[in-house]
């Protein structure tokens, strides 16, 4: 999977110290990609929903998205923005 762009989200929680980014991918998110995110933290994939949803949570960030979309959202605590680099590197390996 290739990361095409990372865009700061309009939805901000900056007052709480969190910032959100939309990660834009070169293709649709599939189940293999979602399973590949497991090493990042607590992992949930609700495949039975009409729009299957996934979420990965860590102490310093949260990832959420929908199967079949070409983007997902990452919220990260401002003191741990370096976690974005770790997420980007893993995406390139999936």
Protein backbone atom coordinates (compact mmCIF):
# COMPACT_ATOMS: atom_id res chain seq x y z
CA UNK A 1 0.00 0.00 0.00
CA UNK A 2 1.33 3.42 -0.86
CA UNK A 3 0.63 6.58 1.10
CA UNK A 4 -0.22 9.29 -1.43
CA UNK A 5 -0.75 12.20 0.97
CA UNK A 6 -1.26 13.12 4.60
CA UNK A 7 -3.69 15.99 5.14
CA UNK A 8 -4.38 17.71 8.43
CA UNK A 9 -8.03 17.12 9.23
CA UNK A 10 -10.52 19.92 9.64
CA UNK A 11 -11.84 18.17 12.74
CA UNK A 12 -9.51 19.27 15.49
CA UNK A 13 -9.23 18.45 19.14
CA UNK A 14 -6.22 20.71 19.57
CA UNK A 15 -7.56 22.11 22.82
CA UNK A 16 -7.18 18.59 24.24
CA UNK A 17 -3.68 18.21 22.75
CA UNK A 18 -4.73 15.91 19.88
CA UNK A 19 -4.40 16.49 16.14
CA UNK A 20 -6.03 14.48 13.36
CA UNK A 21 -4.73 13.63 9.90
CA UNK A 22 -6.36 11.96 6.92
CA UNK A 23 -4.03 9.47 5.25
CA UNK A 24 -4.81 9.13 1.54
CA UNK A 25 -3.87 5.82 -0.08
CA UNK A 26 -3.22 4.68 -3.65
CA UNK A 27 -5.98 2.04 -3.49
CA UNK A 28 -8.96 0.93 -1.46
CA UNK A 29 -8.45 -0.46 2.03
CA UNK A 30 -8.85 -4.24 2.03
CA UNK A 31 -8.93 -6.82 4.83
CA UNK A 32 -5.23 -7.59 4.40
CA UNK A 33 -4.40 -3.93 5.05
CA UNK A 34 -6.65 -3.82 8.11
CA UNK A 35 -5.07 -7.00 9.54
CA UNK A 36 -1.63 -5.51 8.85
CA UNK A 37 -2.34 -2.71 11.34
CA UNK A 38 -2.60 -5.15 14.28
CA UNK A 39 1.00 -4.62 15.48
CA UNK A 40 0.25 -0.96 16.20
CA UNK A 41 -2.06 -1.51 19.18
CA UNK A 42 -5.49 -2.60 20.32
CA UNK A 43 -7.27 -3.70 17.14
CA UNK A 44 -10.98 -3.93 16.30
CA UNK A 45 -12.53 -4.85 12.94
CA UNK A 46 -16.32 -4.94 12.73
CA UNK A 47 -16.68 -6.86 9.48
CA UNK A 48 -20.40 -7.56 9.97
CA UNK A 49 -21.45 -3.93 9.52
CA UNK A 50 -22.89 -2.60 6.25
CA UNK A 51 -19.73 -0.44 6.09
CA UNK A 52 -17.11 -2.60 7.84
CA UNK A 53 -15.22 -0.41 10.30
CA UNK A 54 -11.78 -0.78 11.89
CA UNK A 55 -10.02 0.96 14.75
CA UNK A 56 -6.53 0.70 16.22
CA UNK A 57 -5.79 2.35 19.55
CA UNK A 58 -2.53 3.05 21.30
CA UNK A 59 -1.68 5.22 24.26
CA UNK A 60 -0.67 8.10 21.97
CA UNK A 61 -2.76 7.67 18.82
CA UNK A 62 -5.92 6.23 17.31
CA UNK A 63 -6.53 5.04 13.74
CA UNK A 64 -10.00 4.50 12.29
CA UNK A 65 -11.39 3.83 8.85
CA UNK A 66 -13.78 1.88 6.67
CA UNK A 67 -13.15 -1.14 4.46
CA UNK A 68 -13.24 -0.13 0.78
CA UNK A 69 -12.32 3.54 1.30
CA UNK A 70 -9.07 5.05 0.03
CA UNK A 71 -8.38 6.97 3.24
CA UNK A 72 -8.38 6.61 7.01
CA UNK A 73 -7.98 9.00 9.93
CA UNK A 74 -5.20 9.12 12.51
CA UNK A 75 -5.52 11.16 15.71
CA UNK A 76 -2.26 11.65 17.55
CA UNK A 77 -1.30 13.40 20.77
CA UNK A 78 0.82 16.46 20.00
CA UNK A 79 3.70 15.24 22.18
CA UNK A 80 3.93 12.04 20.14
CA UNK A 81 3.67 13.17 16.52
CA UNK A 82 6.69 10.95 15.81
CA UNK A 83 4.21 8.05 15.93
CA UNK A 84 2.98 9.25 12.52
CA UNK A 85 6.33 8.18 11.03
CA UNK A 86 5.95 4.70 12.54
CA UNK A 87 2.46 4.41 11.08
CA UNK A 88 3.65 5.61 7.66
CA UNK A 89 6.46 3.04 7.62
CA UNK A 90 4.12 0.19 8.48
CA UNK A 91 1.69 1.22 5.74
CA UNK A 92 4.44 0.95 3.14
CA UNK A 93 5.09 -2.66 4.25
CA UNK A 94 1.48 -3.80 3.99
